[in-house]
C-alpha atoms as a PDB file:
ATOM      1  CA  MET A   1      51.921  24.061 -11.620  1.00  0.00           C
ATOM      2  CA  THR A   2      49.179  26.534 -12.743  1.00  0.00           C
ATOM      3  CA  PHE A   3      48.677  29.927 -11.202  1.00  0.00           C
ATOM      4  CA  HIS A   4      45.677  28.635  -9.192  1.00  0.00           C
ATOM      5  CA  GLU A   5      47.382  25.459  -8.036  1.00  0.00           C
ATOM      6  CA  GLN A   6      50.129  27.426  -6.264  1.00  0.00           C
ATOM      7  CA  PHE A   7      47.449  28.845  -3.928  1.00  0.00           C
ATOM      8  CA  ALA A   8      45.600  25.513  -3.347  1.00  0.00           C
ATOM      9  CA  GLU A   9      47.548  24.555  -0.206  1.00  0.00           C
ATOM     10  CA  ASP A  10      47.431  28.138   1.129  1.00  0.00           C
ATOM     11  CA  LEU A  11      43.626  28.191   0.646  1.00  0.00           C
ATOM     12  CA  ALA A  12      43.194  25.117   2.874  1.00  0.00           C
ATOM     13  CA  LEU A  13      45.442  26.619   5.593  1.00  0.00           C
ATOM     14  CA  TYR A  14      43.760  30.024   5.245  1.00  0.00           C
ATOM     15  CA  ALA A  15      40.309  28.398   5.723  1.00  0.00           C
ATOM     16  CA  LEU A  16      41.600  26.698   8.883  1.00  0.00           C
ATOM     17  CA  GLY A  17      43.044  29.988  10.196  1.00  0.00           C
ATOM     18  CA  SER A  18      46.560  28.597  10.313  1.00  0.00           C
ATOM     19  CA  LEU A  19      48.279  30.240   7.330  1.00  0.00           C
ATOM     20  CA  SER A  20      51.561  31.541   8.803  1.00  0.00           C
ATOM     21  CA  GLY A  21      53.556  34.417   7.398  1.00  0.00           C
ATOM     22  CA  ASP A  22      52.183  37.873   6.625  1.00  0.00           C
ATOM     23  CA  GLU A  23      53.642  37.860   3.135  1.00  0.00           C
ATOM     24  CA  GLU A  24      51.877  34.648   2.093  1.00  0.00           C
ATOM     25  CA  ARG A  25      48.595  35.694   3.682  1.00  0.00           C
ATOM     26  CA  LEU A  26      48.669  39.132   2.023  1.00  0.00           C
ATOM     27  CA  ALA A  27      49.559  37.588  -1.320  1.00  0.00           C
ATOM     28  CA  LEU A  28      46.634  35.175  -1.079  1.00  0.00           C
ATOM     29  CA  GLU A  29      44.172  37.858  -0.001  1.00  0.00           C
ATOM     30  CA  LYS A  30      45.276  40.037  -2.901  1.00  0.00           C
ATOM     31  CA  HIS A  31      44.794  37.124  -5.294  1.00  0.00           C
ATOM     32  CA  LEU A  32      41.309  36.435  -3.885  1.00  0.00           C
ATOM     33  CA  GLU A  33      40.245  39.995  -4.715  1.00  0.00           C
ATOM     34  CA  THR A  34      40.565  39.281  -8.446  1.00  0.00           C
ATOM     35  CA  CYS A  35      39.963  35.496  -8.693  1.00  0.00           C
ATOM     36  CA  ASN A  36      36.383  34.275  -8.554  1.00  0.00           C
ATOM     37  CA  ALA A  37      37.432  30.622  -8.806  1.00  0.00           C
ATOM     38  CA  CYS A  38      39.644  30.784  -5.722  1.00  0.00           C
ATOM     39  CA  ARG A  39      36.982  32.705  -3.790  1.00  0.00           C
ATOM     40  CA  ARG A  40      34.455  29.963  -4.546  1.00  0.00           C
ATOM     41  CA  GLU A  41      37.005  27.347  -3.514  1.00  0.00           C
ATOM     42  CA  LEU A  42      37.584  29.209  -0.212  1.00  0.00           C
ATOM     43  CA  GLU A  43      33.828  29.361   0.446  1.00  0.00           C
ATOM     44  CA  GLN A  44      33.523  25.623  -0.167  1.00  0.00           C
ATOM     45  CA  LEU A  45      36.436  24.946   2.179  1.00  0.00           C
ATOM     46  CA  ARG A  46      34.868  27.057   4.915  1.00  0.00           C
ATOM     47  CA  GLY A  47      31.538  25.333   4.339  1.00  0.00           C
ATOM     48  CA  ASP A  48      33.251  21.960   4.704  1.00  0.00           C
ATOM     49  CA  MET A  49      34.926  23.105   7.936  1.00  0.00           C
ATOM     50  CA  GLY A  50      31.552  24.220   9.292  1.00  0.00           C
ATOM     51  CA  LEU A  51      30.019  20.860   8.395  1.00  0.00           C
ATOM     52  CA  LEU A  52      32.824  19.024  10.164  1.00  0.00           C
ATOM     53  CA  SER A  53      32.477  21.169  13.307  1.00  0.00           C
ATOM     54  CA  LEU A  54      28.732  20.336  13.489  1.00  0.00           C
ATOM     55  CA  SER A  55      29.141  16.608  12.711  1.00  0.00           C
ATOM     56  CA  THR A  56      29.444  14.187  15.635  1.00  0.00           C
ATOM     57  CA  LEU A  57      27.295  11.109  15.060  1.00  0.00           C
ATOM     58  CA  GLY A  58      25.412  12.336  12.005  1.00  0.00           C
ATOM     59  CA  ALA A  59      25.654  11.219   8.379  1.00  0.00           C
ATOM     60  CA  THR A  60      29.116  10.575   6.889  1.00  0.00           C
ATOM     61  CA  PRO A  61      30.804  13.961   6.017  1.00  0.00           C
ATOM     62  CA  PRO A  62      31.659  14.507   2.327  1.00  0.00           C
ATOM     63  CA  ALA A  63      34.819  12.717   1.197  1.00  0.00           C
ATOM     64  CA  ARG A  64      36.010  15.982  -0.301  1.00  0.00           C
ATOM     65  CA  SER A  65      35.994  17.789   3.068  1.00  0.00           C
ATOM     66  CA  ARG A  66      37.812  14.914   4.756  1.00  0.00           C
ATOM     67  CA  THR A  67      40.514  14.937   2.046  1.00  0.00           C
ATOM     68  CA  ARG A  68      41.019  18.671   2.312  1.00  0.00           C
ATOM     69  CA  LEU A  69      41.237  18.565   6.099  1.00  0.00           C
ATOM     70  CA  MET A  70      43.711  15.694   6.120  1.00  0.00           C
ATOM     71  CA  ASP A  71      45.828  17.383   3.431  1.00  0.00           C
ATOM     72  CA  ALA A  72      45.893  20.610   5.440  1.00  0.00           C
ATOM     73  CA  ILE A  73      46.884  18.810   8.654  1.00  0.00           C
ATOM     74  CA  ALA A  74      49.550  16.757   6.890  1.00  0.00           C
ATOM     75  CA  SER A  75      51.073  19.806   5.222  1.00  0.00           C
ATOM     76  CA  GLU A  76      51.264  22.008   8.342  1.00  0.00           C
ATOM     77  CA  PRO A  77      54.553  20.629   9.837  1.00  0.00           C
ATOM     78  CA  ARG A  78      56.343  20.942   6.476  1.00  0.00           C
ATOM     79  CA  ARG A  79      55.719  24.710   6.264  1.00  0.00           C
ATOM     80  CA  MET A  80      58.694  25.531   8.516  1.00  0.00           C
ATOM     81  CA  GLU A  81      61.136  27.182   6.134  1.00  0.00           C
ATOM     82  CA  ALA A  82      61.984  29.731   8.873  1.00  0.00           C
ATOM     83  CA  PRO A  83      61.975  29.310  12.683  1.00  0.00           C
ATOM     84  CA  GLN A  84      58.495  29.841  14.066  1.00  0.00           C
ATOM     85  CA  SER A  85      57.882  32.428  16.699  1.00  0.00           C
ATOM     86  CA  VAL A  86      56.450  31.447  20.085  1.00  0.00           C
ATOM     87  CA  SER A  87      53.081  32.911  19.114  1.00  0.00           C
ATOM     88  CA  GLN A  88      52.974  30.858  15.894  1.00  0.00           C
ATOM     89  CA  SER A  89      53.774  27.654  17.799  1.00  0.00           C
ATOM     90  CA  ARG A  90      51.041  28.358  20.261  1.00  0.00           C
ATOM     91  CA  SER A  91      48.608  28.985  17.368  1.00  0.00           C
ATOM     92  CA  TRP A  92      49.282  25.499  15.972  1.00  0.00           C
ATOM     93  CA  TRP A  93      48.854  23.767  19.323  1.00  0.00           C
ATOM     94  CA  ALA A  94      45.615  25.648  19.872  1.00  0.00           C
ATOM     95  CA  PHE A  95      44.356  24.245  16.577  1.00  0.00           C
ATOM     96  CA  ALA A  96      45.573  20.656  17.142  1.00  0.00           C
ATOM     97  CA  PRO A  97      42.795  19.553  19.589  1.00  0.00           C
ATOM     98  CA  TRP A  98      40.117  20.808  17.183  1.00  0.00           C
ATOM     99  CA  ALA A  99      41.716  18.919  14.287  1.00  0.00           C
ATOM    100  CA  VAL A 100      41.828  15.706  16.330  1.00  0.00           C
ATOM    101  CA  ALA A 101      38.196  16.162  17.346  1.00  0.00           C
ATOM    102  CA  ALA A 102      37.167  16.716  13.718  1.00  0.00           C
ATOM    103  CA  ALA A 103      39.055  13.594  12.613  1.00  0.00           C
ATOM    104  CA  LEU A 104      37.370  11.563  15.353  1.00  0.00           C
ATOM    105  CA  ALA A 105      34.007  12.938  14.242  1.00  0.00           C
ATOM    106  CA  ILE A 106      34.708  11.711  10.701  1.00  0.00           C
ATOM    107  CA  VAL A 107      35.603   8.225  11.924  1.00  0.00           C
ATOM    108  CA  ALA A 108      32.537   8.131  14.211  1.00  0.00           C
ATOM    109  CA  GLY A 109      30.306   9.179  11.324  1.00  0.00           C
ATOM    110  CA  ILE A 110      31.681   6.436   9.080  1.00  0.00           C
ATOM    111  CA  LEU A 111      31.193   3.793  11.779  1.00  0.00           C
ATOM    112  CA  TRP A 112      27.656   5.007  12.537  1.00  0.00           C
ATOM    113  CA  SER A 113      26.674   4.859   8.859  1.00  0.00           C
ATOM    114  CA  ALA A 114      28.085   1.333   8.482  1.00  0.00           C
ATOM    115  CA  ASP A 115      26.287   0.192  11.630  1.00  0.00           C
ATOM    116  CA  ALA A 116      22.944   1.629  10.453  1.00  0.00           C
ATOM    117  CA  THR A 117      23.302  -0.085   7.064  1.00  0.00           C
ATOM    118  CA  LEU A 118      24.104  -3.418   8.714  1.00  0.00           C
ATOM    119  CA  LYS A 119      21.071  -3.129  11.012  1.00  0.00           C
ATOM    120  CA  ARG A 120      18.767  -2.473   8.036  1.00  0.00           C
ATOM    121  CA  GLN A 121      20.147  -5.505   6.202  1.00  0.00           C
ATOM    122  CA  VAL A 122      19.687  -7.732   9.270  1.00  0.00           C
ATOM    123  CA  ALA A 123      16.093  -6.507   9.748  1.00  0.00           C
ATOM    124  CA  SER A 124      15.302  -7.211   6.081  1.00  0.00           C
ATOM    125  CA  LEU A 125      16.745 -10.741   6.317  1.00  0.00           C
ATOM    126  CA  GLN A 126      14.773 -11.428   9.501  1.00  0.00           C
ATOM    127  CA  SER A 127      11.549 -10.292   7.810  1.00  0.00           C
ATOM    128  CA  ASP A 128      12.207 -12.532   4.783  1.00  0.00           C
ATOM    129  CA  MET A 129      12.964 -15.516   7.027  1.00  0.00           C
ATOM    130  CA  SER A 130       9.770 -14.971   9.039  1.00  0.00           C
ATOM    131  CA  GLN A 131       7.647 -14.868   5.879  1.00  0.00           C
ATOM    132  CA  GLN A 132       9.300 -17.993   4.496  1.00  0.00           C
ATOM    133  CA  GLN A 133       8.725 -19.836   7.773  1.00  0.00           C
ATOM    134  CA  GLN A 134       5.029 -18.918   7.711  1.00  0.00           C
ATOM    135  CA  GLU A 135       4.705 -20.138   4.120  1.00  0.00           C
ATOM    136  CA  LEU A 136       6.497 -23.360   5.023  1.00  0.00           C
ATOM    137  CA  VAL A 137       4.169 -24.000   7.970  1.00  0.00           C
ATOM    138  CA  GLN A 138       1.119 -23.410   5.766  1.00  0.00           C
ATOM    139  CA  ALA A 139       2.458 -25.766   3.076  1.00  0.00           C
ATOM    140  CA  ARG A 140       3.105 -28.481   5.672  1.00  0.00           C
ATOM    141  CA  ASP A 141      -0.450 -28.106   7.005  1.00  0.00           C
ATOM    142  CA  VAL A 142      -1.882 -28.511   3.500  1.00  0.00           C
ATOM    143  CA  VAL A 143       0.206 -31.607   2.776  1.00  0.00           C
ATOM    144  CA  ALA A 144      -0.629 -33.117   6.187  1.00  0.00           C
ATOM    145  CA  THR A 145      -4.358 -32.674   5.565  1.00  0.00           C
ATOM    146  CA  LEU A 146      -4.232 -34.111   2.047  1.00  0.00           C
ATOM    147  CA  THR A 147      -2.153 -37.162   2.974  1.00  0.00           C
ATOM    148  CA  ALA A 148      -3.489 -38.041   6.441  1.00  0.00           C
ATOM    149  CA  PRO A 149      -4.876 -41.623   6.391  1.00  0.00           C
ATOM    150  CA  GLU A 150      -7.777 -40.600   8.633  1.00  0.00           C
ATOM    151  CA  ALA A 151      -8.742 -37.592   6.480  1.00  0.00           C
ATOM    152  CA  GLN A 152     -12.385 -37.682   5.398  1.00  0.00           C
ATOM    153  CA  GLN A 153     -12.808 -37.140   1.651  1.00  0.00           C
ATOM    154  CA  VAL A 154     -16.094 -35.869   0.247  1.00  0.00           C
ATOM    155  CA  THR A 155     -16.769 -35.312  -3.458  1.00  0.00           C
ATOM    156  CA  LEU A 156     -19.237 -32.525  -4.294  1.00  0.00           C
ATOM    157  CA  VAL A 157     -21.216 -32.673  -7.563  1.00  0.00           C
ATOM    158  CA  ALA A 158     -23.502 -30.293  -9.399  1.00  0.00           C
ATOM    159  CA  ALA A 159     -26.987 -29.888  -8.011  1.00  0.00           C
ATOM    160  CA  LYS A 160     -28.346 -29.170 -11.504  1.00  0.00           C
ATOM    161  CA  THR A 161     -27.685 -30.035 -15.141  1.00  0.00           C
ATOM    162  CA  PRO A 162     -24.356 -29.573 -16.997  1.00  0.00           C
ATOM    163  CA  PRO A 163     -21.943 -27.916 -17.214  1.00  0.00           C
ATOM    164  CA  LEU A 164     -21.170 -29.768 -14.061  1.00  0.00           C
ATOM    165  CA  PRO A 165     -19.097 -27.975 -11.464  1.00  0.00           C
ATOM    166  CA  HIS A 166     -17.610 -30.234  -8.862  1.00  0.00           C
ATOM    167  CA  GLY A 167     -15.449 -30.043  -5.766  1.00  0.00           C
ATOM    168  CA  LYS A 168     -13.533 -32.233  -3.353  1.00  0.00           C
ATOM    169  CA  ALA A 169     -13.123 -31.685   0.402  1.00  0.00           C
ATOM    170  CA  PHE A 170     -10.328 -33.153   2.538  1.00  0.00           C
ATOM    171  CA  TYR A 171     -11.386 -32.864   6.160  1.00  0.00           C
ATOM    172  CA  LEU A 172      -9.343 -33.865   9.230  1.00  0.00           C
ATOM    173  CA  ARG A 173     -11.789 -34.043  12.123  1.00  0.00           C
ATOM    174  CA  SER A 174      -9.183 -34.319  14.904  1.00  0.00           C
ATOM    175  CA  THR A 175      -7.581 -30.977  14.048  1.00  0.00           C
ATOM    176  CA  GLY A 176     -10.418 -29.223  12.214  1.00  0.00           C
ATOM    177  CA  ARG A 177      -8.298 -28.778   9.100  1.00  0.00           C
ATOM    178  CA  LEU A 178     -10.107 -28.581   5.768  1.00  0.00           C
ATOM    179  CA  ILE A 179      -8.821 -28.386   2.191  1.00  0.00           C
ATOM    180  CA  PHE A 180     -11.502 -27.728  -0.437  1.00  0.00           C
ATOM    181  CA  LEU A 181     -10.823 -27.697  -4.199  1.00  0.00           C
ATOM    182  CA  ALA A 182     -13.448 -26.826  -6.832  1.00  0.00           C
ATOM    183  CA  SER A 183     -13.573 -26.612 -10.619  1.00  0.00           C
ATOM    184  CA  ASN A 184     -16.004 -25.657 -13.398  1.00  0.00           C
ATOM    185  CA  LEU A 185     -17.822 -23.201 -11.139  1.00  0.00           C
ATOM    186  CA  PRO A 186     -20.029 -20.712 -13.026  1.00  0.00           C
ATOM    187  CA  PRO A 187     -18.948 -17.041 -12.959  1.00  0.00           C
ATOM    188  CA  LEU A 188     -20.380 -15.117 -10.033  1.00  0.00           C
ATOM    189  CA  PRO A 189     -23.371 -12.824 -10.645  1.00  0.00           C
ATOM    190  CA  PRO A 190     -22.967  -9.200  -9.514  1.00  0.00           C
ATOM    191  CA  GLU A 191     -22.796  -8.733  -5.736  1.00  0.00           C
ATOM    192  CA  LYS A 192     -22.677 -12.496  -5.103  1.00  0.00           C
ATOM    193  CA  ILE A 193     -20.091 -14.860  -3.634  1.00  0.00           C
ATOM    194  CA  TYR A 194     -19.697 -18.589  -3.068  1.00  0.00           C
ATOM    195  CA  GLU A 195     -19.765 -19.878   0.505  1.00  0.00           C
ATOM    196  CA  LEU A 196     -18.590 -23.307   1.686  1.00  0.00           C
ATOM    197  CA  TRP A 197     -20.548 -25.064   4.453  1.00  0.00           C
ATOM    198  CA  LEU A 198     -19.758 -27.998   6.701  1.00  0.00           C
ATOM    199  CA  ILE A 199     -22.938 -29.999   7.282  1.00  0.00           C
ATOM    200  CA  PRO A 200     -22.545 -31.724  10.675  1.00  0.00           C
ATOM    201  CA  THR A 201     -24.180 -34.997  11.656  1.00  0.00           C
ATOM    202  CA  SER A 202     -26.333 -32.975  14.053  1.00  0.00           C
ATOM    203  CA  GLY A 203     -27.015 -29.291  14.413  1.00  0.00           C
ATOM    204  CA  SER A 204     -26.903 -26.347  12.043  1.00  0.00           C
ATOM    205  CA  PRO A 205     -24.518 -25.950   9.074  1.00  0.00           C
ATOM    206  CA  VAL A 206     -21.186 -24.309   9.886  1.00  0.00           C
ATOM    207  CA  ALA A 207     -19.740 -21.603   7.617  1.00  0.00           C
ATOM    208  CA  ALA A 208     -16.354 -22.744   6.253  1.00  0.00           C
ATOM    209  CA  GLY A 209     -15.244 -19.819   4.111  1.00  0.00           C
ATOM    210  CA  LEU A 210     -16.131 -17.405   1.287  1.00  0.00           C
ATOM    211  CA  PHE A 211     -14.398 -17.672  -2.103  1.00  0.00           C
ATOM    212  CA  ARG A 212     -14.428 -16.486  -5.706  1.00  0.00           C
ATOM    213  CA  PRO A 213     -13.503 -18.725  -8.651  1.00  0.00           C
ATOM    214  CA  ASP A 214     -10.841 -17.802 -11.193  1.00  0.00           C
ATOM    215  CA  ALA A 215     -11.481 -17.249 -14.895  1.00  0.00           C
ATOM    216  CA  HIS A 216     -11.588 -21.043 -15.454  1.00  0.00           C
ATOM    217  CA  GLY A 217     -14.008 -21.753 -12.621  1.00  0.00           C
ATOM    218  CA  GLY A 218     -11.343 -23.061 -10.237  1.00  0.00           C
ATOM    219  CA  ALA A 219     -11.202 -22.184  -6.520  1.00  0.00           C
ATOM    220  CA  ALA A 220      -9.713 -23.365  -3.250  1.00  0.00           C
ATOM    221  CA  VAL A 221     -10.389 -22.912   0.467  1.00  0.00           C
ATOM    222  CA  LEU A 222      -7.414 -23.758   2.686  1.00  0.00           C
ATOM    223  CA  ASN A 223      -7.792 -24.451   6.405  1.00  0.00           C
ATOM    224  CA  PRO A 224     -10.686 -22.162   7.396  1.00  0.00           C
ATOM    225  CA  PRO A 225     -11.146 -21.629  11.168  1.00  0.00           C
ATOM    226  CA  LEU A 226     -13.098 -24.748  12.222  1.00  0.00           C
ATOM    227  CA  SER A 227     -13.331 -26.234  15.703  1.00  0.00           C
ATOM    228  CA  PRO A 228     -11.479 -29.552  16.149  1.00  0.00           C
ATOM    229  CA  GLY A 229     -13.629 -32.623  16.729  1.00  0.00           C
ATOM    230  CA  LEU A 230     -16.612 -31.418  14.697  1.00  0.00           C
ATOM    231  CA  GLU A 231     -18.089 -34.452  12.900  1.00  0.00           C
ATOM    232  CA  ALA A 232     -19.021 -33.721   9.287  1.00  0.00           C
ATOM    233  CA  LYS A 233     -21.831 -35.479   7.473  1.00  0.00           C
ATOM    234  CA  THR A 234     -21.018 -33.729   4.175  1.00  0.00           C
ATOM    235  CA  PHE A 235     -20.185 -30.354   2.627  1.00  0.00           C
ATOM    236  CA  ALA A 236     -22.039 -27.911   0.366  1.00  0.00           C
ATOM    237  CA  VAL A 237     -21.427 -24.704  -1.605  1.00  0.00           C
ATOM    238  CA  THR A 238     -24.135 -22.042  -1.892  1.00  0.00           C
ATOM    239  CA  LEU A 239     -24.463 -18.775  -3.771  1.00  0.00           C
ATOM    240  CA  GLU A 240     -24.771 -15.976  -1.210  1.00  0.00           C
ATOM    241  CA  PRO A 241     -24.795 -12.170  -1.023  1.00  0.00           C
ATOM    242  CA  ALA A 242     -21.367 -10.527  -1.358  1.00  0.00           C
ATOM    243  CA  THR A 243     -20.866 -10.383   2.423  1.00  0.00           C
ATOM    244  CA  GLY A 244     -21.819 -14.040   2.947  1.00  0.00           C
ATOM    245  CA  SER A 245     -24.497 -15.567   5.183  1.00  0.00           C
ATOM    246  CA  HIS A 246     -22.193 -16.959   7.903  1.00  0.00           C
ATOM    247  CA  GLU A 247     -24.921 -18.138  10.308  1.00  0.00           C
ATOM    248  CA  ALA A 248     -26.990 -20.301   7.913  1.00  0.00           C
ATOM    249  CA  PRO A 249     -27.256 -20.843   4.138  1.00  0.00           C
ATOM    250  CA  ARG A 250     -29.704 -18.465   2.503  1.00  0.00           C
ATOM    251  CA  GLY A 251     -28.842 -18.809  -1.152  1.00  0.00           C
ATOM    252  CA  GLN A 252     -29.152 -21.502  -3.782  1.00  0.00           C
ATOM    253  CA  ALA A 253     -27.074 -24.692  -3.414  1.00  0.00           C
ATOM    254  CA  VAL A 254     -24.552 -24.996  -6.265  1.00  0.00           C
ATOM    255  CA  ILE A 255     -22.764 -28.248  -5.347  1.00  0.00           C
ATOM    256  CA  VAL A 256     -23.349 -30.602  -2.422  1.00  0.00           C
ATOM    257  CA  GLY A 257     -21.628 -33.659  -1.023  1.00  0.00           C
ATOM    258  CA  ALA A 258     -22.732 -37.157  -1.973  1.00  0.00           C
ATOM    259  CA  GLY A 259     -25.580 -38.442   0.190  1.00  0.00           C
ATOM    260  CA  GLU A 260     -26.905 -34.945   0.997  1.00  0.00           C
END
């Protein structure tokens, strides 16, 4: 045992205010006057005790403070080389309720931290499940529109000379669902955008979504907000200002449905 180690147990009891025996206390205090390491250790012990006294349902106290406290409590009954006076016995029992309360605070802190972690994990799983369910519903809608026997299919071809962009619309009148796929579209000019239109059998064209093609001229419009039951004569794509026209086509037609 090193010179410092022989005072380790006394330091913990001294920090708790329960170091019995004037001779041991005076010896420790004399040692503290010349030993910086033990003084720092005593300050850390007192800091740990202060943290424990303030902790109820807060974050988990440091493992080091819990170990020191438990070691000090466990060692107290064994320091009875000589019969204790009545005042010393009363000093221990005065400390016992505080020690029990501190131990309970440690356990409560551990349980609170575990509960908070579990709640965060459950919330994250619920969020992931909700997103996956939304993606699954969208995928089912796309497949249902593409494979429905009653789905109206319209092929759109270039309104001018090659290179020939083209598109295909899958429209389900009963539900208003529309899947539009395009390819070979020319790159957009500055401050322009493509807009898809549903051309009804009667009445004005209905805006069916704005879109930008990728680097290869491909694009898709999936289930824009269309009213169910709207009868479509054909579909068309126009080149519009960046914000779109919405109410009626104003720009040049790029591709239109057969028969338009």
